[in-house]
């Protein structure tokens, strides 16, 4: 993975989700549509949250849906959705309105993506990302603020 690029294939803005599970399904659907994961992947993520709690909510407003490679990852991939209205995960009172889903085929291939997520958090951009109205606006925001 050379450079992280958000485009019409892996981003949806102001998605309507009825609850946390619907938000995860819509976020991971982009990975599935692009051939990065199979149908088992989303079910594994949802089951893990039901079993272990909202471990994917890593920062106020941000969740990073993912699961182990053997649970349906085909190749490395990522997607980003913003929600029209925030959702709440079980046992969490933190509203989530940005989901960055990813898949990895081993424990190393997704490190560039993790670095980008850390940089987004460190740059305090989640609230701004949740308000973008286009993919161009998202990419401009990230290119100015995330190295």
N, C-alpha and C. Protein backbone atom coordinates (compact mmCIF):
# COMPACT_ATOMS: atom_id res chain seq x y z
N UNK A 1 0.85 -1.18 0.00
CA UNK A 1 0.00 0.00 0.00
C UNK A 1 0.89 1.23 0.00
N UNK A 2 0.88 1.95 -1.10
CA UNK A 2 1.77 3.09 -1.22
C UNK A 2 1.22 4.33 -0.54
N UNK A 3 0.11 4.81 -1.03
CA UNK A 3 -0.46 6.03 -0.47
C UNK A 3 -1.94 5.82 -0.24
N UNK A 4 -2.43 6.37 0.83
CA UNK A 4 -3.83 6.23 1.15
C UNK A 4 -4.60 7.27 0.35
N UNK A 5 -5.58 6.79 -0.40
CA UNK A 5 -6.34 7.67 -1.26
C UNK A 5 -7.83 7.41 -1.04
N UNK A 6 -8.55 8.45 -0.73
CA UNK A 6 -9.99 8.33 -0.60
C UNK A 6 -10.64 8.79 -1.89
N UNK A 7 -11.60 8.01 -2.39
CA UNK A 7 -12.26 8.31 -3.66
C UNK A 7 -13.69 7.77 -3.63
N UNK A 8 -14.37 7.87 -4.75
CA UNK A 8 -15.78 7.46 -4.82
C UNK A 8 -15.97 5.97 -4.55
N UNK A 9 -14.93 5.17 -4.71
CA UNK A 9 -15.05 3.73 -4.45
C UNK A 9 -15.02 3.39 -2.96
N UNK A 10 -14.37 4.24 -2.15
CA UNK A 10 -14.18 3.86 -0.74
C UNK A 10 -14.68 4.89 0.26
N UNK A 11 -15.46 5.86 -0.21
CA UNK A 11 -15.99 6.90 0.70
C UNK A 11 -17.48 7.12 0.42
N UNK A 12 -18.23 7.29 1.49
CA UNK A 12 -19.61 7.76 1.39
C UNK A 12 -19.81 8.82 2.46
N UNK A 13 -20.43 9.91 2.09
CA UNK A 13 -20.63 11.07 2.97
C UNK A 13 -22.10 11.15 3.40
N UNK A 14 -22.32 11.47 4.67
CA UNK A 14 -23.66 11.68 5.23
C UNK A 14 -24.58 10.48 5.02
N UNK A 15 -24.09 9.30 5.36
CA UNK A 15 -24.84 8.06 5.25
C UNK A 15 -25.90 8.00 6.35
N UNK A 16 -27.07 7.52 6.00
CA UNK A 16 -28.10 7.31 7.00
C UNK A 16 -27.97 5.89 7.54
N UNK A 17 -27.82 5.78 8.85
CA UNK A 17 -27.72 4.48 9.51
C UNK A 17 -28.70 4.46 10.67
N UNK A 18 -29.44 3.38 10.77
CA UNK A 18 -30.47 3.30 11.81
C UNK A 18 -29.88 2.98 13.19
N UNK A 19 -28.70 2.35 13.22
CA UNK A 19 -28.05 2.01 14.49
C UNK A 19 -26.59 1.63 14.21
N UNK A 20 -25.86 1.25 15.25
CA UNK A 20 -24.44 0.93 15.10
C UNK A 20 -24.21 -0.23 14.13
N UNK A 21 -25.08 -1.22 14.18
CA UNK A 21 -24.90 -2.39 13.32
C UNK A 21 -25.09 -2.01 11.85
N UNK A 22 -26.09 -1.20 11.58
CA UNK A 22 -26.34 -0.71 10.23
C UNK A 22 -25.15 0.12 9.74
N UNK A 23 -24.60 0.95 10.60
CA UNK A 23 -23.43 1.77 10.24
C UNK A 23 -22.24 0.88 9.87
N UNK A 24 -22.01 -0.15 10.64
CA UNK A 24 -20.91 -1.07 10.33
C UNK A 24 -21.16 -1.77 9.00
N UNK A 25 -22.37 -2.25 8.81
CA UNK A 25 -22.69 -2.93 7.54
C UNK A 25 -22.45 -2.01 6.34
N UNK A 26 -22.85 -0.76 6.45
CA UNK A 26 -22.68 0.18 5.34
C UNK A 26 -21.21 0.52 5.12
N UNK A 27 -20.45 0.61 6.19
CA UNK A 27 -19.03 0.91 6.07
C UNK A 27 -18.27 -0.26 5.45
N UNK A 28 -18.53 -1.45 5.94
CA UNK A 28 -17.80 -2.63 5.45
C UNK A 28 -18.31 -3.05 4.07
N UNK A 29 -19.54 -2.68 3.72
CA UNK A 29 -20.03 -2.97 2.38
C UNK A 29 -19.09 -2.40 1.32
N UNK A 30 -18.52 -1.23 1.58
CA UNK A 30 -17.57 -0.65 0.62
C UNK A 30 -16.36 -1.55 0.44
N UNK A 31 -15.89 -2.17 1.52
CA UNK A 31 -14.76 -3.11 1.42
C UNK A 31 -15.18 -4.34 0.60
N UNK A 32 -16.37 -4.83 0.87
CA UNK A 32 -16.87 -6.02 0.17
C UNK A 32 -17.06 -5.72 -1.31
N UNK A 33 -17.68 -4.59 -1.62
CA UNK A 33 -17.94 -4.18 -3.00
C UNK A 33 -16.63 -4.10 -3.81
N UNK A 34 -15.55 -3.71 -3.16
CA UNK A 34 -14.26 -3.56 -3.83
C UNK A 34 -13.40 -4.82 -3.78
N UNK A 35 -13.96 -5.92 -3.27
CA UNK A 35 -13.24 -7.19 -3.29
C UNK A 35 -12.19 -7.34 -2.21
N UNK A 36 -12.25 -6.54 -1.16
CA UNK A 36 -11.26 -6.60 -0.09
C UNK A 36 -11.63 -7.63 0.98
N UNK A 37 -12.93 -7.87 1.15
CA UNK A 37 -13.40 -8.83 2.17
C UNK A 37 -14.56 -9.63 1.60
N UNK A 38 -14.84 -10.77 2.26
CA UNK A 38 -16.03 -11.52 1.88
C UNK A 38 -17.14 -11.25 2.88
N UNK A 39 -18.28 -11.90 2.69
CA UNK A 39 -19.46 -11.64 3.53
C UNK A 39 -19.24 -12.00 5.00
N UNK A 40 -18.32 -12.90 5.29
CA UNK A 40 -18.06 -13.29 6.68
C UNK A 40 -17.48 -12.15 7.50
N UNK A 41 -16.79 -11.23 6.83
CA UNK A 41 -16.04 -10.18 7.54
C UNK A 41 -16.96 -9.33 8.41
N UNK A 42 -18.04 -8.81 7.82
CA UNK A 42 -18.93 -7.93 8.57
C UNK A 42 -19.58 -8.67 9.73
N UNK A 43 -19.94 -9.94 9.50
CA UNK A 43 -20.58 -10.71 10.58
C UNK A 43 -19.60 -10.91 11.73
N UNK A 44 -18.33 -11.11 11.42
CA UNK A 44 -17.31 -11.27 12.45
C UNK A 44 -17.14 -9.99 13.26
N UNK A 45 -17.11 -8.84 12.59
CA UNK A 45 -16.98 -7.56 13.29
C UNK A 45 -18.15 -7.36 14.25
N UNK A 46 -19.35 -7.58 13.76
CA UNK A 46 -20.55 -7.39 14.59
C UNK A 46 -20.55 -8.35 15.77
N UNK A 47 -20.21 -9.61 15.51
CA UNK A 47 -20.17 -10.60 16.60
C UNK A 47 -19.11 -10.22 17.64
N UNK A 48 -17.97 -9.75 17.20
CA UNK A 48 -16.91 -9.34 18.14
C UNK A 48 -17.37 -8.19 19.03
N UNK A 49 -18.09 -7.24 18.47
CA UNK A 49 -18.59 -6.12 19.27
C UNK A 49 -19.61 -6.61 20.29
N UNK A 50 -20.48 -7.52 19.85
CA UNK A 50 -21.46 -8.07 20.78
C UNK A 50 -20.77 -8.84 21.91
N UNK A 51 -19.67 -9.50 21.58
CA UNK A 51 -18.95 -10.32 22.56
C UNK A 51 -17.99 -9.51 23.43
N UNK A 52 -17.26 -8.59 22.82
CA UNK A 52 -16.17 -7.89 23.53
C UNK A 52 -16.46 -6.42 23.83
N UNK A 53 -17.58 -5.91 23.34
CA UNK A 53 -17.88 -4.51 23.56
C UNK A 53 -17.35 -3.65 22.43
N UNK A 54 -17.48 -2.34 22.57
CA UNK A 54 -17.16 -1.41 21.48
C UNK A 54 -15.66 -1.11 21.36
N UNK A 55 -14.86 -2.15 21.21
CA UNK A 55 -13.40 -1.98 21.12
C UNK A 55 -12.98 -1.17 19.90
N UNK A 56 -13.88 -1.04 18.93
CA UNK A 56 -13.54 -0.30 17.71
C UNK A 56 -13.74 1.21 17.85
N UNK A 57 -14.41 1.64 18.93
CA UNK A 57 -14.58 3.08 19.17
C UNK A 57 -13.31 3.54 19.89
N UNK A 58 -12.42 4.16 19.11
CA UNK A 58 -11.08 4.46 19.64
C UNK A 58 -10.90 5.91 20.05
N UNK A 59 -11.87 6.74 19.71
CA UNK A 59 -11.77 8.18 19.97
C UNK A 59 -13.17 8.75 19.84
N UNK A 60 -13.49 9.83 20.56
CA UNK A 60 -14.83 10.39 20.42
C UNK A 60 -15.18 10.69 18.97
N UNK A 61 -16.27 10.09 18.51
CA UNK A 61 -16.73 10.31 17.15
C UNK A 61 -16.20 9.32 16.13
N UNK A 62 -15.21 8.49 16.50
CA UNK A 62 -14.54 7.63 15.53
C UNK A 62 -14.58 6.15 15.93
N UNK A 63 -14.98 5.34 14.96
CA UNK A 63 -14.89 3.88 15.12
C UNK A 63 -14.09 3.34 13.93
N UNK A 64 -13.32 2.28 14.19
CA UNK A 64 -12.53 1.66 13.13
C UNK A 64 -12.90 0.16 13.01
N UNK A 65 -14.02 -0.13 12.35
CA UNK A 65 -14.44 -1.52 12.19
C UNK A 65 -13.40 -2.36 11.46
N UNK A 66 -13.02 -3.46 12.10
CA UNK A 66 -12.06 -4.40 11.52
C UNK A 66 -12.12 -5.68 12.33
N UNK A 67 -11.55 -6.73 11.78
CA UNK A 67 -11.43 -7.99 12.50
C UNK A 67 -10.19 -8.70 11.97
N UNK A 68 -9.93 -9.85 12.52
CA UNK A 68 -8.72 -10.59 12.15
C UNK A 68 -8.75 -11.01 10.68
N UNK A 69 -7.57 -11.09 10.05
CA UNK A 69 -7.51 -11.44 8.63
C UNK A 69 -8.25 -12.75 8.28
N UNK A 70 -8.15 -13.73 9.14
CA UNK A 70 -8.76 -15.03 8.83
C UNK A 70 -10.29 -15.01 8.88
N UNK A 71 -10.87 -13.88 9.28
CA UNK A 71 -12.33 -13.77 9.36
C UNK A 71 -12.95 -13.18 8.10
N UNK A 72 -12.26 -13.28 6.98
CA UNK A 72 -12.85 -12.85 5.72
C UNK A 72 -12.09 -11.82 4.92
N UNK A 73 -10.89 -11.45 5.36
CA UNK A 73 -10.09 -10.50 4.58
C UNK A 73 -9.54 -11.20 3.34
N UNK A 74 -9.66 -10.55 2.21
CA UNK A 74 -9.12 -11.07 0.95
C UNK A 74 -7.84 -10.33 0.60
N UNK A 75 -7.87 -9.01 0.77
CA UNK A 75 -6.69 -8.18 0.55
C UNK A 75 -6.84 -6.91 1.37
N UNK A 76 -5.77 -6.14 1.46
CA UNK A 76 -5.82 -4.91 2.25
C UNK A 76 -6.77 -3.91 1.59
N UNK A 77 -7.54 -3.27 2.43
CA UNK A 77 -8.47 -2.27 1.92
C UNK A 77 -8.94 -1.37 3.04
N UNK A 78 -9.57 -0.27 2.68
CA UNK A 78 -10.08 0.67 3.67
C UNK A 78 -11.23 1.44 3.07
N UNK A 79 -12.08 1.94 3.96
CA UNK A 79 -13.20 2.78 3.55
C UNK A 79 -13.46 3.79 4.65
N UNK A 80 -14.13 4.86 4.29
CA UNK A 80 -14.50 5.88 5.26
C UNK A 80 -15.93 6.31 4.96
N UNK A 81 -16.76 6.30 6.01
CA UNK A 81 -18.08 6.87 5.87
C UNK A 81 -18.30 7.89 6.99
N UNK A 82 -19.06 8.91 6.65
CA UNK A 82 -19.54 9.83 7.68
C UNK A 82 -21.04 9.59 7.78
N UNK A 83 -21.56 9.75 8.98
CA UNK A 83 -22.98 9.49 9.21
C UNK A 83 -23.76 10.79 9.29
N UNK A 84 -24.96 10.76 8.75
CA UNK A 84 -25.86 11.92 8.83
C UNK A 84 -26.19 12.21 10.29
N UNK A 85 -26.44 11.13 11.06
CA UNK A 85 -26.70 11.24 12.50
C UNK A 85 -25.82 10.23 13.22
N UNK A 86 -25.25 10.60 14.35
CA UNK A 86 -24.36 9.68 15.06
C UNK A 86 -25.10 8.45 15.57
N UNK A 87 -24.34 7.36 15.75
CA UNK A 87 -24.86 6.13 16.34
C UNK A 87 -24.10 5.86 17.63
N UNK A 88 -24.71 5.06 18.48
CA UNK A 88 -24.09 4.66 19.75
C UNK A 88 -23.91 3.16 19.75
N UNK A 89 -22.73 2.74 20.19
CA UNK A 89 -22.42 1.32 20.29
C UNK A 89 -22.84 0.80 21.66
N UNK A 90 -23.07 -0.50 21.77
CA UNK A 90 -23.45 -1.07 23.07
C UNK A 90 -22.40 -0.74 24.13
N UNK A 91 -22.84 -0.42 25.31
CA UNK A 91 -21.96 -0.12 26.45
C UNK A 91 -21.02 1.06 26.19
N UNK A 92 -21.46 2.00 25.37
CA UNK A 92 -20.67 3.19 25.11
C UNK A 92 -21.61 4.39 25.03
N UNK A 93 -21.24 5.48 25.68
CA UNK A 93 -22.05 6.68 25.57
C UNK A 93 -21.39 7.72 24.67
N UNK A 94 -20.44 7.27 23.86
CA UNK A 94 -19.74 8.13 22.92
C UNK A 94 -20.41 8.06 21.55
N UNK A 95 -20.95 9.17 21.05
CA UNK A 95 -21.54 9.12 19.71
C UNK A 95 -20.46 8.96 18.64
N UNK A 96 -20.76 8.15 17.63
CA UNK A 96 -19.83 7.91 16.54
C UNK A 96 -20.46 8.42 15.26
N UNK A 97 -19.71 9.24 14.51
CA UNK A 97 -20.21 9.72 13.23
C UNK A 97 -19.20 9.58 12.09
N UNK A 98 -18.03 9.01 12.38
CA UNK A 98 -17.05 8.69 11.34
C UNK A 98 -16.61 7.25 11.56
N UNK A 99 -16.67 6.44 10.49
CA UNK A 99 -16.19 5.06 10.56
C UNK A 99 -15.13 4.87 9.48
N UNK A 100 -13.96 4.42 9.90
CA UNK A 100 -12.91 4.06 8.96
C UNK A 100 -12.72 2.56 9.11
N UNK A 101 -13.27 1.82 8.16
CA UNK A 101 -13.16 0.36 8.18
C UNK A 101 -11.92 -0.05 7.40
N UNK A 102 -11.34 -1.17 7.82
CA UNK A 102 -10.20 -1.66 7.06
C UNK A 102 -10.08 -3.16 7.16
N UNK A 103 -9.37 -3.73 6.19
CA UNK A 103 -9.06 -5.15 6.19
C UNK A 103 -7.56 -5.29 5.94
N UNK A 104 -7.00 -6.32 6.53
CA UNK A 104 -5.58 -6.60 6.35
C UNK A 104 -5.41 -8.11 6.22
N UNK A 105 -4.38 -8.51 5.50
CA UNK A 105 -4.15 -9.94 5.30
C UNK A 105 -3.13 -10.51 6.27
N UNK A 106 -2.47 -9.64 7.01
CA UNK A 106 -1.53 -10.07 8.05
C UNK A 106 -1.40 -8.94 9.06
N UNK A 107 -0.49 -9.09 10.00
CA UNK A 107 -0.41 -8.09 11.07
C UNK A 107 0.42 -6.87 10.70
N UNK A 108 0.98 -6.81 9.49
CA UNK A 108 1.84 -5.69 9.12
C UNK A 108 1.30 -4.81 7.99
N UNK A 109 0.51 -5.38 7.09
CA UNK A 109 0.16 -4.65 5.86
C UNK A 109 -0.68 -3.41 6.08
N UNK A 110 -1.31 -3.28 7.22
CA UNK A 110 -2.20 -2.14 7.43
C UNK A 110 -1.56 -1.04 8.27
N UNK A 111 -0.26 -1.11 8.51
CA UNK A 111 0.38 -0.15 9.40
C UNK A 111 0.33 1.28 8.88
N UNK A 112 0.42 1.47 7.57
CA UNK A 112 0.32 2.83 7.01
C UNK A 112 -1.06 3.42 7.30
N UNK A 113 -2.08 2.59 7.19
CA UNK A 113 -3.42 3.05 7.48
C UNK A 113 -3.57 3.40 8.95
N UNK A 114 -3.02 2.59 9.83
CA UNK A 114 -3.08 2.87 11.27
C UNK A 114 -2.36 4.19 11.57
N UNK A 115 -1.21 4.42 10.91
CA UNK A 115 -0.50 5.70 11.10
C UNK A 115 -1.37 6.87 10.68
N UNK A 116 -2.07 6.72 9.55
CA UNK A 116 -2.95 7.80 9.09
C UNK A 116 -4.06 8.05 10.10
N UNK A 117 -4.66 6.99 10.63
CA UNK A 117 -5.73 7.14 11.62
C UNK A 117 -5.20 7.85 12.87
N UNK A 118 -4.02 7.46 13.32
CA UNK A 118 -3.40 8.12 14.48
C UNK A 118 -3.17 9.60 14.18
N UNK A 119 -2.70 9.91 12.98
CA UNK A 119 -2.47 11.31 12.61
C UNK A 119 -3.77 12.10 12.56
N UNK A 120 -4.84 11.48 12.07
CA UNK A 120 -6.15 12.15 12.06
C UNK A 120 -6.58 12.46 13.48
N UNK A 121 -6.44 11.49 14.37
CA UNK A 121 -6.82 11.68 15.78
C UNK A 121 -5.94 12.75 16.42
N UNK A 122 -4.63 12.64 16.22
CA UNK A 122 -3.71 13.61 16.81
C UNK A 122 -3.93 15.03 16.29
N UNK A 123 -4.42 15.13 15.05
CA UNK A 123 -4.71 16.44 14.46
C UNK A 123 -6.10 16.93 14.83
N UNK A 124 -6.82 16.13 15.61
CA UNK A 124 -8.15 16.49 16.09
C UNK A 124 -9.10 16.83 14.93
N UNK A 125 -9.16 15.92 13.95
CA UNK A 125 -9.92 16.19 12.73
C UNK A 125 -11.27 15.47 12.65
N UNK A 126 -11.60 14.64 13.61
CA UNK A 126 -12.81 13.83 13.50
C UNK A 126 -14.05 14.70 13.32
N UNK A 127 -14.17 15.74 14.12
CA UNK A 127 -15.34 16.60 14.01
C UNK A 127 -15.39 17.26 12.63
N UNK A 128 -14.25 17.72 12.13
CA UNK A 128 -14.22 18.35 10.81
C UNK A 128 -14.54 17.34 9.71
N UNK A 129 -14.00 16.13 9.83
CA UNK A 129 -14.30 15.09 8.83
C UNK A 129 -15.79 14.81 8.80
N UNK A 130 -16.41 14.78 9.98
CA UNK A 130 -17.85 14.46 10.04
C UNK A 130 -18.69 15.52 9.33
N UNK A 131 -18.14 16.69 9.10
CA UNK A 131 -18.89 17.80 8.49
C UNK A 131 -18.58 18.01 7.01
N UNK A 132 -17.62 17.29 6.44
CA UNK A 132 -17.30 17.50 5.03
C UNK A 132 -18.51 17.13 4.17
N UNK A 133 -18.61 17.78 3.03
CA UNK A 133 -19.76 17.56 2.14
C UNK A 133 -19.38 16.86 0.84
N UNK A 134 -18.08 16.60 0.64
CA UNK A 134 -17.65 15.93 -0.58
C UNK A 134 -16.33 15.21 -0.33
N UNK A 135 -16.02 14.30 -1.23
CA UNK A 135 -14.75 13.57 -1.15
C UNK A 135 -13.59 14.53 -1.38
N UNK A 136 -13.76 15.48 -2.30
CA UNK A 136 -12.71 16.48 -2.53
C UNK A 136 -12.42 17.27 -1.25
N UNK A 137 -13.49 17.67 -0.56
CA UNK A 137 -13.32 18.41 0.68
C UNK A 137 -12.59 17.55 1.72
N UNK A 138 -12.93 16.27 1.79
CA UNK A 138 -12.25 15.34 2.70
C UNK A 138 -10.76 15.27 2.38
N UNK A 139 -10.44 15.07 1.10
CA UNK A 139 -9.03 14.94 0.71
C UNK A 139 -8.26 16.22 0.93
N UNK A 140 -8.89 17.38 0.70
CA UNK A 140 -8.21 18.65 0.97
C UNK A 140 -7.92 18.79 2.46
N UNK A 141 -8.90 18.46 3.29
CA UNK A 141 -8.72 18.54 4.73
C UNK A 141 -7.57 17.65 5.19
N UNK A 142 -7.54 16.42 4.69
CA UNK A 142 -6.49 15.49 5.09
C UNK A 142 -5.12 15.90 4.55
N UNK A 143 -5.07 16.37 3.30
CA UNK A 143 -3.77 16.73 2.74
C UNK A 143 -3.15 17.94 3.44
N UNK A 144 -4.00 18.83 3.95
CA UNK A 144 -3.48 20.00 4.67
C UNK A 144 -3.05 19.66 6.10
N UNK A 145 -3.66 18.65 6.68
CA UNK A 145 -3.47 18.41 8.11
C UNK A 145 -2.81 17.09 8.50
N UNK A 146 -2.77 16.13 7.60
CA UNK A 146 -2.23 14.81 7.96
C UNK A 146 -1.01 14.52 7.10
N UNK A 147 0.07 14.24 7.76
CA UNK A 147 1.32 13.96 7.04
C UNK A 147 1.62 12.49 7.07
